[in-house]
N, C-alpha and C. Protein backbone atom coordinates (compact mmCIF):
# COMPACT_ATOMS: atom_id res chain seq x y z
N MET A 1 0.85 -1.13 0.09
CA MET A 1 0.11 0.06 -0.04
C MET A 1 0.79 1.30 -0.05
N ILE A 2 2.02 1.30 0.68
CA ILE A 2 2.95 2.32 0.86
C ILE A 2 4.31 1.76 0.21
N VAL A 3 4.80 2.53 -0.58
CA VAL A 3 6.22 1.93 -1.15
C VAL A 3 7.19 3.22 -1.40
N LEU A 4 8.31 3.15 -0.80
CA LEU A 4 9.27 4.15 -1.20
C LEU A 4 10.49 3.41 -1.74
N ARG A 5 11.10 3.62 -2.79
CA ARG A 5 12.14 2.94 -3.44
C ARG A 5 13.34 4.08 -3.82
N ASP A 6 14.45 3.73 -3.32
CA ASP A 6 15.55 4.53 -3.46
C ASP A 6 15.36 6.11 -3.28
N VAL A 7 14.75 6.37 -2.26
CA VAL A 7 14.25 7.84 -2.26
C VAL A 7 15.41 8.77 -1.75
N HIS A 8 15.77 9.81 -2.39
CA HIS A 8 16.76 10.76 -1.98
C HIS A 8 16.04 12.28 -1.73
N CYS A 9 16.40 12.80 -0.63
CA CYS A 9 15.70 14.17 -0.42
C CYS A 9 16.73 15.05 0.23
N ARG A 10 16.77 16.33 -0.24
CA ARG A 10 17.45 17.42 0.60
C ARG A 10 16.57 18.61 0.70
N LEU A 11 16.33 19.21 1.81
CA LEU A 11 15.45 20.39 2.13
C LEU A 11 16.17 21.63 1.88
N GLY A 12 16.45 21.70 0.61
CA GLY A 12 17.24 23.06 0.26
C GLY A 12 18.52 22.77 -0.23
N ARG A 13 19.01 23.77 -1.23
CA ARG A 13 20.33 23.48 -1.83
C ARG A 13 21.41 23.88 -0.79
N GLY A 14 22.52 22.87 -0.83
CA GLY A 14 23.61 23.09 0.19
C GLY A 14 23.31 22.33 1.57
N GLN A 15 22.00 21.87 1.69
CA GLN A 15 21.82 21.15 2.93
C GLN A 15 22.23 19.71 2.98
N PRO A 16 22.29 19.24 4.14
CA PRO A 16 22.64 17.64 4.08
C PRO A 16 21.50 16.95 3.65
N ALA A 17 21.80 15.70 3.10
CA ALA A 17 20.64 14.86 2.66
C ALA A 17 19.74 14.47 3.88
N VAL A 18 18.56 14.37 3.75
CA VAL A 18 17.54 13.90 4.85
C VAL A 18 17.48 12.54 4.48
N MET A 19 17.31 12.01 3.15
CA MET A 19 17.10 10.67 2.89
C MET A 19 18.15 10.34 1.86
N GLN A 20 18.79 9.15 2.03
CA GLN A 20 19.83 8.64 0.99
C GLN A 20 19.39 7.30 0.73
N GLY A 21 18.89 7.11 -0.31
CA GLY A 21 18.45 5.74 -0.93
C GLY A 21 17.52 4.98 0.02
N LEU A 22 16.64 5.56 0.60
CA LEU A 22 15.67 4.88 1.54
C LEU A 22 14.70 4.12 0.82
N GLU A 23 14.46 3.00 1.52
CA GLU A 23 13.56 1.89 0.89
C GLU A 23 12.53 1.58 2.41
N LEU A 24 11.21 1.50 1.92
CA LEU A 24 10.30 1.19 2.97
C LEU A 24 8.98 0.63 2.08
N ARG A 25 8.46 -0.54 2.77
CA ARG A 25 7.21 -1.02 2.25
C ARG A 25 6.42 -1.17 3.37
N VAL A 26 5.02 -0.75 3.06
CA VAL A 26 4.01 -0.93 4.32
C VAL A 26 2.86 -1.80 3.42
N GLU A 27 2.70 -3.20 3.67
CA GLU A 27 1.70 -4.00 3.04
C GLU A 27 0.39 -3.71 3.47
N ALA A 28 -0.65 -4.07 2.69
CA ALA A 28 -1.97 -3.88 2.91
C ALA A 28 -2.30 -4.75 4.26
N GLY A 29 -2.98 -4.29 4.97
CA GLY A 29 -3.59 -4.91 6.39
C GLY A 29 -2.35 -4.69 7.50
N ARG A 30 -1.46 -3.93 7.28
CA ARG A 30 -0.34 -3.81 8.13
C ARG A 30 0.01 -2.23 8.78
N ALA A 31 0.46 -2.17 9.89
CA ALA A 31 0.67 -0.81 10.43
C ALA A 31 2.19 -0.78 10.82
N THR A 32 2.84 0.13 10.43
CA THR A 32 4.27 0.32 10.64
C THR A 32 4.55 1.59 11.53
N PHE A 33 5.51 1.40 12.47
CA PHE A 33 5.96 2.62 13.31
C PHE A 33 7.34 2.81 12.95
N LEU A 34 7.61 4.31 12.90
CA LEU A 34 8.91 4.68 12.49
C LEU A 34 9.43 5.55 13.42
N SER A 35 10.49 5.22 14.17
CA SER A 35 11.09 6.28 15.11
C SER A 35 12.36 6.75 14.52
N GLY A 36 13.02 7.64 15.40
CA GLY A 36 14.37 8.14 14.86
C GLY A 36 14.44 9.43 15.75
N ALA A 37 15.72 10.01 15.73
CA ALA A 37 15.99 11.21 16.50
C ALA A 37 15.27 12.46 15.68
N ASN A 38 15.41 13.44 16.68
CA ASN A 38 14.70 14.70 15.99
C ASN A 38 15.50 15.24 14.82
N GLY A 39 14.90 15.51 13.71
CA GLY A 39 15.49 15.80 12.52
C GLY A 39 15.87 14.70 11.59
N ALA A 40 15.45 13.49 11.91
CA ALA A 40 15.98 12.34 11.18
C ALA A 40 15.05 12.28 9.87
N GLY A 41 14.03 13.09 9.74
CA GLY A 41 13.34 12.98 8.38
C GLY A 41 11.80 12.26 8.50
N LYS A 42 11.51 11.80 9.68
CA LYS A 42 10.19 11.14 9.81
C LYS A 42 9.11 12.03 9.19
N SER A 43 8.86 13.39 9.62
CA SER A 43 7.88 14.11 9.08
C SER A 43 8.01 14.33 7.61
N THR A 44 9.19 14.41 7.12
CA THR A 44 9.61 14.75 5.75
C THR A 44 9.11 13.39 4.93
N LEU A 45 9.28 12.19 5.41
CA LEU A 45 8.84 11.07 4.83
C LEU A 45 7.40 10.91 4.66
N LEU A 46 6.57 11.38 5.71
CA LEU A 46 5.20 11.41 5.59
C LEU A 46 4.73 12.48 4.64
N ARG A 47 5.40 13.63 4.63
CA ARG A 47 4.86 14.57 3.69
C ARG A 47 4.95 14.28 2.14
N MET A 48 6.01 13.42 1.79
CA MET A 48 6.23 12.78 0.63
C MET A 48 5.00 11.86 0.24
N VAL A 49 4.77 11.02 1.18
CA VAL A 49 3.71 9.88 1.03
C VAL A 49 2.39 10.61 0.79
N ALA A 50 2.20 11.75 1.60
CA ALA A 50 0.86 12.54 1.41
C ALA A 50 0.82 13.43 0.18
N GLY A 51 1.99 13.55 -0.52
CA GLY A 51 1.94 14.40 -1.81
C GLY A 51 2.12 15.65 -1.71
N VAL A 52 2.65 16.20 -0.51
CA VAL A 52 3.02 17.54 -0.50
C VAL A 52 4.46 17.92 -0.65
N LEU A 53 5.36 17.02 -0.85
CA LEU A 53 6.78 17.20 -0.96
C LEU A 53 7.24 16.11 -2.03
N ALA A 54 8.00 16.59 -2.78
CA ALA A 54 8.59 15.60 -4.00
C ALA A 54 9.88 15.26 -3.67
N PRO A 55 10.13 13.98 -3.77
CA PRO A 55 11.68 13.52 -3.55
C PRO A 55 12.50 14.15 -4.74
N ASP A 56 13.77 14.22 -4.33
CA ASP A 56 14.78 14.67 -5.32
C ASP A 56 15.04 13.46 -6.35
N ALA A 57 14.89 12.25 -5.81
CA ALA A 57 15.16 11.14 -6.62
C ALA A 57 14.39 9.93 -6.00
N GLY A 58 14.23 8.95 -6.80
CA GLY A 58 13.48 7.63 -6.27
C GLY A 58 12.01 7.82 -6.56
N GLU A 59 11.20 6.83 -5.88
CA GLU A 59 9.72 6.49 -6.32
C GLU A 59 8.95 6.41 -5.00
N VAL A 60 7.95 7.25 -5.00
CA VAL A 60 7.01 6.93 -3.85
C VAL A 60 5.71 6.47 -4.56
N ARG A 61 4.92 5.45 -4.02
CA ARG A 61 3.79 4.96 -4.50
C ARG A 61 2.77 4.75 -3.25
N VAL A 62 1.53 5.15 -3.46
CA VAL A 62 0.52 5.00 -2.47
C VAL A 62 -0.68 4.07 -3.29
N ALA A 63 -0.87 2.86 -2.86
CA ALA A 63 -1.67 1.96 -3.59
C ALA A 63 -1.47 1.98 -5.03
N GLY A 64 -0.31 1.98 -5.41
CA GLY A 64 0.19 1.85 -6.74
C GLY A 64 0.05 3.22 -7.48
N LEU A 65 -0.24 4.22 -6.85
CA LEU A 65 -0.29 5.55 -7.47
C LEU A 65 0.86 6.66 -7.10
N ASP A 66 1.25 7.55 -7.81
CA ASP A 66 2.09 8.52 -7.59
C ASP A 66 1.23 9.52 -6.94
N PRO A 67 1.76 10.00 -5.65
CA PRO A 67 0.94 10.93 -4.77
C PRO A 67 1.02 12.28 -5.37
N LEU A 68 1.94 12.70 -6.23
CA LEU A 68 1.87 13.77 -6.90
C LEU A 68 1.25 13.92 -8.19
N ALA A 69 1.47 12.97 -9.03
CA ALA A 69 0.77 12.83 -10.41
C ALA A 69 -0.49 12.63 -10.23
N ASP A 70 -0.92 11.59 -9.27
CA ASP A 70 -2.34 11.23 -9.18
C ASP A 70 -2.99 11.69 -7.81
N ARG A 71 -2.73 13.02 -7.51
CA ARG A 71 -3.05 13.77 -6.24
C ARG A 71 -4.52 13.50 -5.87
N ARG A 72 -5.32 13.75 -6.72
CA ARG A 72 -6.75 13.66 -6.28
C ARG A 72 -7.25 12.23 -5.99
N ALA A 73 -6.73 11.30 -6.67
CA ALA A 73 -7.03 9.92 -6.55
C ALA A 73 -6.47 9.46 -5.08
N VAL A 74 -5.22 9.76 -4.93
CA VAL A 74 -4.56 9.27 -3.55
C VAL A 74 -5.18 10.11 -2.51
N GLN A 75 -5.39 11.44 -2.53
CA GLN A 75 -6.17 12.19 -1.40
C GLN A 75 -7.40 11.59 -1.15
N ARG A 76 -8.21 11.05 -2.03
CA ARG A 76 -9.42 10.44 -1.77
C ARG A 76 -9.28 9.10 -0.78
N GLY A 77 -8.27 8.53 -0.66
CA GLY A 77 -8.17 7.25 0.12
C GLY A 77 -7.16 7.63 1.15
N LEU A 78 -6.76 8.82 1.32
CA LEU A 78 -5.56 8.89 2.29
C LEU A 78 -6.13 9.82 3.49
N GLY A 79 -5.73 9.51 4.79
CA GLY A 79 -5.83 10.44 5.89
C GLY A 79 -4.55 10.72 6.66
N TRP A 80 -4.36 11.85 7.00
CA TRP A 80 -3.11 12.48 7.41
C TRP A 80 -3.25 13.29 8.59
N LEU A 81 -2.58 13.07 9.70
CA LEU A 81 -2.72 13.65 10.93
C LEU A 81 -1.20 14.39 11.05
N PRO A 82 -0.98 15.49 10.73
CA PRO A 82 0.26 16.26 10.81
C PRO A 82 0.66 16.46 12.29
N PRO A 83 1.88 16.82 12.66
CA PRO A 83 2.34 17.12 14.00
C PRO A 83 1.73 18.48 14.37
N GLY A 84 1.60 18.69 15.62
CA GLY A 84 1.16 20.11 16.20
C GLY A 84 -0.24 20.04 16.43
N ASP A 85 -0.75 21.70 16.41
CA ASP A 85 -2.07 21.78 16.67
C ASP A 85 -2.72 22.61 15.68
N ARG A 86 -2.34 22.31 14.25
CA ARG A 86 -2.97 23.28 13.39
C ARG A 86 -4.28 22.69 12.69
N GLY A 87 -5.08 23.47 11.95
CA GLY A 87 -6.05 23.14 11.20
C GLY A 87 -7.32 23.45 11.97
N LEU A 88 -7.36 23.90 13.06
CA LEU A 88 -8.68 24.06 13.99
C LEU A 88 -9.14 25.70 14.00
N PHE A 89 -10.49 25.76 14.03
CA PHE A 89 -10.93 27.02 14.07
C PHE A 89 -11.81 27.27 15.40
N GLY A 90 -11.08 28.19 16.20
CA GLY A 90 -11.57 28.27 17.49
C GLY A 90 -13.14 28.32 17.73
N ARG A 91 -13.84 29.12 16.77
CA ARG A 91 -15.20 29.35 16.89
C ARG A 91 -15.98 28.39 16.39
N LEU A 92 -15.45 27.28 15.72
CA LEU A 92 -16.32 26.17 15.19
C LEU A 92 -16.44 25.04 16.32
N THR A 93 -17.41 24.29 16.33
CA THR A 93 -17.61 23.11 17.32
C THR A 93 -17.12 22.00 16.66
N VAL A 94 -16.84 20.94 17.50
CA VAL A 94 -16.42 19.72 17.08
C VAL A 94 -17.28 19.13 15.91
N ARG A 95 -18.49 19.06 16.02
CA ARG A 95 -19.43 18.67 14.76
C ARG A 95 -19.14 19.64 13.53
N GLN A 96 -19.10 20.92 13.72
CA GLN A 96 -18.85 21.80 12.64
C GLN A 96 -17.67 21.47 11.93
N HIS A 97 -16.50 21.24 12.69
CA HIS A 97 -15.31 20.92 12.00
C HIS A 97 -15.47 19.70 11.01
N LEU A 98 -16.11 18.63 11.64
CA LEU A 98 -16.22 17.28 10.88
C LEU A 98 -17.20 17.58 9.63
N ARG A 99 -18.11 18.39 9.70
CA ARG A 99 -19.09 18.55 8.51
C ARG A 99 -18.35 19.54 7.62
N PHE A 100 -17.64 20.45 8.09
CA PHE A 100 -16.84 21.26 7.12
C PHE A 100 -15.81 20.33 6.36
N TRP A 101 -15.12 19.45 7.00
CA TRP A 101 -13.84 18.62 6.42
C TRP A 101 -14.53 17.51 5.56
N ALA A 102 -15.55 16.87 5.90
CA ALA A 102 -16.08 15.83 5.07
C ALA A 102 -16.27 16.25 3.53
N PRO A 103 -16.71 17.15 3.08
CA PRO A 103 -16.63 17.29 1.68
C PRO A 103 -15.39 17.71 1.12
N MET A 104 -14.35 18.09 1.92
CA MET A 104 -12.97 18.39 1.60
C MET A 104 -12.26 17.25 1.29
N VAL A 105 -12.68 16.05 1.87
CA VAL A 105 -11.88 14.84 1.80
C VAL A 105 -12.88 13.85 0.81
N LEU A 106 -13.92 14.47 0.23
CA LEU A 106 -14.63 13.94 -0.89
C LEU A 106 -15.82 12.95 -0.33
N VAL A 107 -16.24 12.99 0.93
CA VAL A 107 -17.19 12.12 1.32
C VAL A 107 -18.60 12.60 0.51
N PRO A 108 -19.16 11.77 -0.11
CA PRO A 108 -20.45 12.01 -0.95
C PRO A 108 -21.42 12.66 0.09
N ALA A 109 -22.16 13.56 -0.53
CA ALA A 109 -23.06 14.34 0.32
C ALA A 109 -23.92 13.44 1.03
N ARG A 110 -24.57 12.42 0.35
CA ARG A 110 -25.47 11.52 0.98
C ARG A 110 -25.05 10.81 2.18
N ASP A 111 -23.65 10.77 2.45
CA ASP A 111 -22.97 10.04 3.42
C ASP A 111 -22.46 10.82 4.50
N ARG A 112 -22.50 12.14 4.30
CA ARG A 112 -21.77 12.92 5.30
C ARG A 112 -22.26 12.90 6.66
N ARG A 113 -23.66 12.94 6.89
CA ARG A 113 -24.21 13.10 8.29
C ARG A 113 -23.68 11.60 8.92
N ALA A 114 -23.83 10.63 8.20
CA ALA A 114 -23.54 9.13 8.89
C ALA A 114 -22.01 9.20 9.26
N ALA A 115 -21.05 9.82 8.32
CA ALA A 115 -19.70 9.65 8.47
C ALA A 115 -19.51 10.55 9.61
N VAL A 116 -20.16 11.69 9.77
CA VAL A 116 -19.83 12.67 11.02
C VAL A 116 -20.34 11.98 12.35
N ASP A 117 -21.35 11.45 12.29
CA ASP A 117 -21.85 10.59 13.39
C ASP A 117 -20.91 9.37 13.89
N ARG A 118 -20.68 8.80 13.03
CA ARG A 118 -19.57 7.50 13.08
C ARG A 118 -18.34 8.11 13.73
N THR A 119 -17.75 9.10 13.24
CA THR A 119 -16.42 9.70 13.64
C THR A 119 -16.71 10.12 15.17
N LEU A 120 -17.70 10.93 15.42
CA LEU A 120 -18.01 11.25 16.81
C LEU A 120 -18.03 10.05 17.79
N GLU A 121 -18.67 9.04 17.48
CA GLU A 121 -18.76 7.92 18.41
C GLU A 121 -17.49 7.13 18.41
N GLU A 122 -16.73 7.04 17.21
CA GLU A 122 -15.62 6.24 17.35
C GLU A 122 -14.32 6.77 18.29
N LEU A 123 -14.46 8.29 18.18
CA LEU A 123 -13.51 8.83 18.95
C LEU A 123 -13.85 9.52 20.25
N ASP A 124 -15.05 8.92 20.62
CA ASP A 124 -15.50 9.46 22.07
C ASP A 124 -15.88 10.91 22.11
N LEU A 125 -16.25 11.57 21.02
CA LEU A 125 -16.40 12.86 21.05
C LEU A 125 -17.92 13.25 21.11
N GLY A 126 -18.80 12.34 21.33
CA GLY A 126 -20.12 12.68 21.18
C GLY A 126 -20.64 13.66 22.14
N THR A 127 -20.10 13.67 23.35
CA THR A 127 -20.51 14.65 24.49
C THR A 127 -19.79 16.06 24.26
N LEU A 128 -18.91 16.00 23.38
CA LEU A 128 -18.18 17.26 22.88
C LEU A 128 -18.65 17.76 21.60
N ALA A 129 -19.57 17.35 20.94
CA ALA A 129 -19.87 17.63 19.53
C ALA A 129 -20.25 19.04 19.47
N ASP A 130 -20.97 19.62 20.60
CA ASP A 130 -21.37 21.04 20.19
C ASP A 130 -20.55 22.03 21.04
N ARG A 131 -19.30 21.52 21.44
CA ARG A 131 -18.38 22.57 22.12
C ARG A 131 -17.32 23.29 21.15
N ARG A 132 -17.13 24.30 21.18
CA ARG A 132 -16.25 25.03 20.51
C ARG A 132 -14.79 24.55 20.54
N ALA A 133 -13.95 24.52 19.62
CA ALA A 133 -12.57 24.02 19.67
C ALA A 133 -11.80 24.87 20.60
N ASP A 134 -11.99 26.27 20.75
CA ASP A 134 -11.14 26.87 21.68
C ASP A 134 -11.55 26.64 23.12
N ARG A 135 -12.61 25.91 23.28
CA ARG A 135 -12.89 25.47 24.77
C ARG A 135 -12.60 23.92 25.15
N LEU A 136 -11.81 23.36 24.14
CA LEU A 136 -11.49 21.94 24.34
C LEU A 136 -10.00 21.82 24.99
N SER A 137 -9.67 20.85 25.70
CA SER A 137 -8.37 20.52 26.26
C SER A 137 -7.58 20.09 25.08
N THR A 138 -6.12 20.29 25.37
CA THR A 138 -5.19 19.82 24.15
C THR A 138 -5.45 18.45 23.71
N GLY A 139 -5.69 17.50 24.62
CA GLY A 139 -5.99 16.09 24.14
C GLY A 139 -7.35 16.10 23.42
N GLN A 140 -8.32 16.82 23.86
CA GLN A 140 -9.42 16.79 22.96
C GLN A 140 -9.33 17.29 21.62
N ARG A 141 -8.38 18.42 21.41
CA ARG A 141 -8.22 18.94 20.26
C ARG A 141 -7.58 17.98 19.39
N GLN A 142 -6.61 17.15 19.86
CA GLN A 142 -6.05 16.20 19.12
C GLN A 142 -6.82 15.12 18.63
N ARG A 143 -7.77 14.78 19.50
CA ARG A 143 -8.94 13.79 18.93
C ARG A 143 -9.62 14.23 17.85
N LEU A 144 -9.94 15.63 17.87
CA LEU A 144 -10.81 16.10 16.88
C LEU A 144 -10.00 16.03 15.55
N ARG A 145 -8.69 16.46 15.71
CA ARG A 145 -7.81 16.53 14.38
C ARG A 145 -7.70 15.02 13.95
N LEU A 146 -7.61 14.13 14.73
CA LEU A 146 -7.61 12.69 14.26
C LEU A 146 -9.06 12.52 13.49
N GLY A 147 -9.99 12.97 14.01
CA GLY A 147 -11.43 12.62 13.57
C GLY A 147 -11.45 13.18 12.22
N MET A 148 -10.79 14.44 11.82
CA MET A 148 -10.79 15.07 10.46
C MET A 148 -9.96 14.11 9.60
N ALA A 149 -9.03 13.32 9.98
CA ALA A 149 -8.07 12.52 9.22
C ALA A 149 -8.83 11.14 9.02
N ILE A 150 -9.81 10.78 9.75
CA ILE A 150 -10.56 9.45 9.55
C ILE A 150 -11.88 9.58 9.02
N VAL A 151 -12.52 10.85 8.92
CA VAL A 151 -14.16 10.96 8.65
C VAL A 151 -14.40 10.20 7.37
N HIS A 152 -13.43 10.21 6.40
CA HIS A 152 -13.80 9.49 5.16
C HIS A 152 -13.28 7.93 5.01
N ASP A 153 -12.92 7.47 6.05
CA ASP A 153 -12.71 6.03 6.14
C ASP A 153 -11.48 5.89 5.23
N PRO A 154 -10.49 6.35 5.44
CA PRO A 154 -9.19 6.22 4.34
C PRO A 154 -8.67 4.84 4.40
N MET A 155 -7.99 4.56 3.29
CA MET A 155 -7.38 3.24 3.21
C MET A 155 -6.00 3.35 3.51
N VAL A 156 -5.28 4.50 3.61
CA VAL A 156 -4.03 4.74 4.10
C VAL A 156 -4.10 5.93 5.03
N LEU A 157 -3.35 5.55 6.35
CA LEU A 157 -3.40 6.42 7.36
C LEU A 157 -2.06 6.74 7.88
N LEU A 158 -1.81 8.29 7.72
CA LEU A 158 -0.48 8.72 8.17
C LEU A 158 -0.48 9.41 9.40
N LEU A 159 0.05 9.00 10.48
CA LEU A 159 -0.02 9.66 11.84
C LEU A 159 1.38 10.10 12.18
N ASP A 160 1.53 11.30 12.35
CA ASP A 160 2.62 11.94 12.71
C ASP A 160 2.75 12.33 14.12
N GLU A 161 3.46 11.60 15.06
CA GLU A 161 3.63 11.73 16.45
C GLU A 161 2.22 11.88 17.01
N PRO A 162 1.49 10.71 16.66
CA PRO A 162 -0.16 10.90 17.14
C PRO A 162 -0.27 10.71 18.61
N GLU A 163 0.76 10.18 19.48
CA GLU A 163 0.62 10.34 20.82
C GLU A 163 0.78 11.62 21.53
N ALA A 164 1.35 12.52 20.85
CA ALA A 164 1.67 13.68 21.46
C ALA A 164 0.39 14.60 22.06
N SER A 165 0.44 14.86 23.27
CA SER A 165 -0.77 15.60 23.90
C SER A 165 -1.95 14.80 23.94
N LEU A 166 -1.98 13.49 23.70
CA LEU A 166 -3.38 12.67 23.85
C LEU A 166 -3.56 12.66 25.17
N ASP A 167 -4.85 12.41 25.49
CA ASP A 167 -5.37 12.03 26.70
C ASP A 167 -5.74 10.51 26.72
N GLY A 168 -6.07 9.96 27.69
CA GLY A 168 -6.41 8.39 27.72
C GLY A 168 -7.44 7.90 26.78
N PRO A 169 -8.46 8.56 26.36
CA PRO A 169 -9.30 8.29 25.36
C PRO A 169 -8.62 8.44 24.14
N GLY A 170 -7.80 9.36 23.93
CA GLY A 170 -7.21 9.62 22.74
C GLY A 170 -6.17 8.50 22.29
N VAL A 171 -5.53 8.08 23.03
CA VAL A 171 -4.64 6.91 22.80
C VAL A 171 -5.44 5.51 22.46
N ALA A 172 -6.57 5.43 23.07
CA ALA A 172 -7.37 4.18 22.47
C ALA A 172 -8.03 4.36 21.32
N ALA A 173 -8.23 5.78 21.10
CA ALA A 173 -8.93 6.20 19.68
C ALA A 173 -8.06 5.95 18.51
N VAL A 174 -6.74 6.26 18.58
CA VAL A 174 -5.75 6.07 17.78
C VAL A 174 -5.52 4.50 17.51
N GLN A 175 -5.55 3.74 18.41
CA GLN A 175 -5.50 2.29 18.40
C GLN A 175 -6.68 1.85 17.47
N ARG A 176 -7.92 2.20 17.87
CA ARG A 176 -9.15 1.84 17.02
C ARG A 176 -8.90 2.26 15.66
N ALA A 177 -8.45 3.57 15.50
CA ALA A 177 -8.31 4.04 14.00
C ALA A 177 -7.22 3.05 13.22
N VAL A 178 -6.16 2.87 13.88
CA VAL A 178 -5.24 1.95 13.06
C VAL A 178 -5.91 0.57 12.85
N ASP A 179 -6.61 0.15 13.89
CA ASP A 179 -7.16 -1.38 13.78
C ASP A 179 -8.34 -1.31 12.53
N ALA A 180 -9.00 -0.10 12.42
CA ALA A 180 -9.81 -0.09 11.44
C ALA A 180 -9.41 -0.06 10.05
N VAL A 181 -8.26 0.70 9.96
CA VAL A 181 -7.59 0.73 8.54
C VAL A 181 -7.10 -0.64 8.13
N ARG A 182 -6.48 -1.31 9.22
CA ARG A 182 -5.94 -2.72 8.88
C ARG A 182 -7.19 -3.62 8.49
N ALA A 183 -8.19 -3.47 9.07
CA ALA A 183 -9.28 -4.55 9.13
C ALA A 183 -10.04 -4.28 7.52
N ARG A 184 -9.76 -3.07 6.99
CA ARG A 184 -10.39 -3.06 5.87
C ARG A 184 -9.51 -3.04 4.61
N GLY A 185 -8.26 -3.70 5.02
CA GLY A 185 -7.14 -3.97 3.90
C GLY A 185 -6.33 -2.66 3.66
N GLY A 186 -6.46 -1.69 4.35
CA GLY A 186 -5.45 -0.62 4.21
C GLY A 186 -4.16 -0.69 4.99
N ALA A 187 -3.32 0.40 5.16
CA ALA A 187 -2.13 0.43 5.89
C ALA A 187 -2.16 1.78 6.69
N ALA A 188 -1.19 1.47 7.61
CA ALA A 188 -0.98 2.79 8.56
C ALA A 188 0.53 2.91 8.74
N LEU A 189 0.87 4.15 8.65
CA LEU A 189 2.27 4.48 8.83
C LEU A 189 2.32 5.63 10.03
N CYS A 190 2.89 5.23 11.15
CA CYS A 190 2.89 6.18 12.27
C CYS A 190 4.41 6.58 12.54
N THR A 191 4.66 7.63 13.12
CA THR A 191 5.87 8.04 13.64
C THR A 191 5.91 8.66 15.01
N GLY A 192 7.08 8.49 15.70
CA GLY A 192 7.07 8.96 17.20
C GLY A 192 8.24 8.60 17.81
N PRO A 193 8.40 8.72 19.16
CA PRO A 193 9.37 8.21 19.87
C PRO A 193 9.33 6.75 20.02
N ALA A 194 10.46 5.92 20.14
CA ALA A 194 10.51 4.55 20.03
C ALA A 194 9.50 3.93 21.02
N GLY A 195 9.44 4.65 22.31
CA GLY A 195 8.56 3.90 23.44
C GLY A 195 7.06 3.68 22.99
N ALA A 196 6.55 4.66 22.05
CA ALA A 196 5.20 4.73 21.80
C ALA A 196 4.78 3.77 20.88
N ALA A 197 5.68 2.91 20.20
CA ALA A 197 5.13 1.83 19.13
C ALA A 197 4.26 0.67 19.86
N SER A 198 4.64 0.35 21.05
CA SER A 198 3.83 -0.66 21.66
C SER A 198 2.48 -0.18 21.96
N ALA A 199 2.37 1.01 22.37
CA ALA A 199 1.10 1.65 22.81
C ALA A 199 0.09 1.60 21.67
N LEU A 200 0.53 1.84 20.50
CA LEU A 200 -0.29 1.89 19.26
C LEU A 200 -0.66 0.49 18.67
N GLY A 201 -0.10 -0.46 19.14
CA GLY A 201 -0.36 -1.86 18.68
C GLY A 201 -0.01 -2.03 17.24
N VAL A 202 1.08 -1.49 16.76
CA VAL A 202 1.63 -1.53 15.21
C VAL A 202 2.01 -3.01 15.03
N ASP A 203 2.25 -3.48 13.73
CA ASP A 203 2.74 -4.68 13.34
C ASP A 203 4.32 -4.77 13.23
N ASP A 204 4.89 -3.57 12.86
CA ASP A 204 6.40 -3.56 12.65
C ASP A 204 6.86 -2.09 13.23
N ALA A 205 8.01 -2.10 13.84
CA ALA A 205 8.60 -1.02 14.35
C ALA A 205 10.02 -0.73 13.65
N ARG A 206 10.22 0.22 12.90
CA ARG A 206 11.52 0.49 12.24
C ARG A 206 12.15 1.80 12.79
N VAL A 207 13.40 1.91 12.37
CA VAL A 207 14.27 3.27 12.77
C VAL A 207 14.67 4.02 11.62
N LEU A 208 14.54 5.22 11.66
CA LEU A 208 15.11 6.10 10.37
C LEU A 208 16.45 6.71 11.00
N ASP A 209 17.43 6.31 10.39
CA ASP A 209 18.92 6.65 10.97
C ASP A 209 19.57 7.18 9.74
N ARG A 210 20.19 8.43 9.69
CA ARG A 210 21.03 8.95 8.68
C ARG A 210 20.47 8.57 7.37
N GLY A 211 19.28 8.84 7.14
CA GLY A 211 18.44 8.88 5.87
C GLY A 211 18.25 7.64 5.30
N ARG A 212 18.26 6.37 6.18
CA ARG A 212 17.79 5.19 5.89
C ARG A 212 17.11 4.54 6.85
N ILE A 213 16.34 3.48 6.45
CA ILE A 213 15.42 2.71 7.39
C ILE A 213 16.39 1.63 7.78
N VAL A 214 16.59 1.37 9.11
CA VAL A 214 17.27 0.17 9.76
C VAL A 214 16.29 -0.61 10.41
N PRO A 215 16.50 -1.94 10.48
CA PRO A 215 15.64 -2.86 11.21
C PRO A 215 15.51 -2.45 12.79
């Protein structure tokens, strides 16, 4: 489902290489966790898979498609949780965020209400559905951002340090999201500190070191 072959990447002329011949495969029905030191290139790797950054050389494929050349088709089946606390509007409620985001990720109009309701239930956000984002705790905001990543039932899920700032229900919600993707024959790729791999229940844990994946 996710393939990177001989990928090379520099983030600017004269900068050291972030990736040097990187090779990675995440098969259908599997979840892989990628750890590494700060600056190792974990977020850069996810950005390439998501189609927002082009490698300098090599090949990136998502379900057999080029995430840059076939952007629309890839985006339809991809959910991405970037790091940090971006993408929320303080005056919008939890439900309004999901209603706004559903058409952005191409959920058909007839299915949007059910998709929003399902996401609220899956992430234990039902009691917070009508609360504004600027009145949520940090962990609740992270769960909402996760909801925006999965409201369209993606086949490929990219989670960049998903455990950061999560509350107890949030960690369980991430596990359920990863399990759901695997159950429908998709794949998940998560990043974070090495100790978080077991908490997310992934199948494989790998390390990014000096621009390459090591066992």
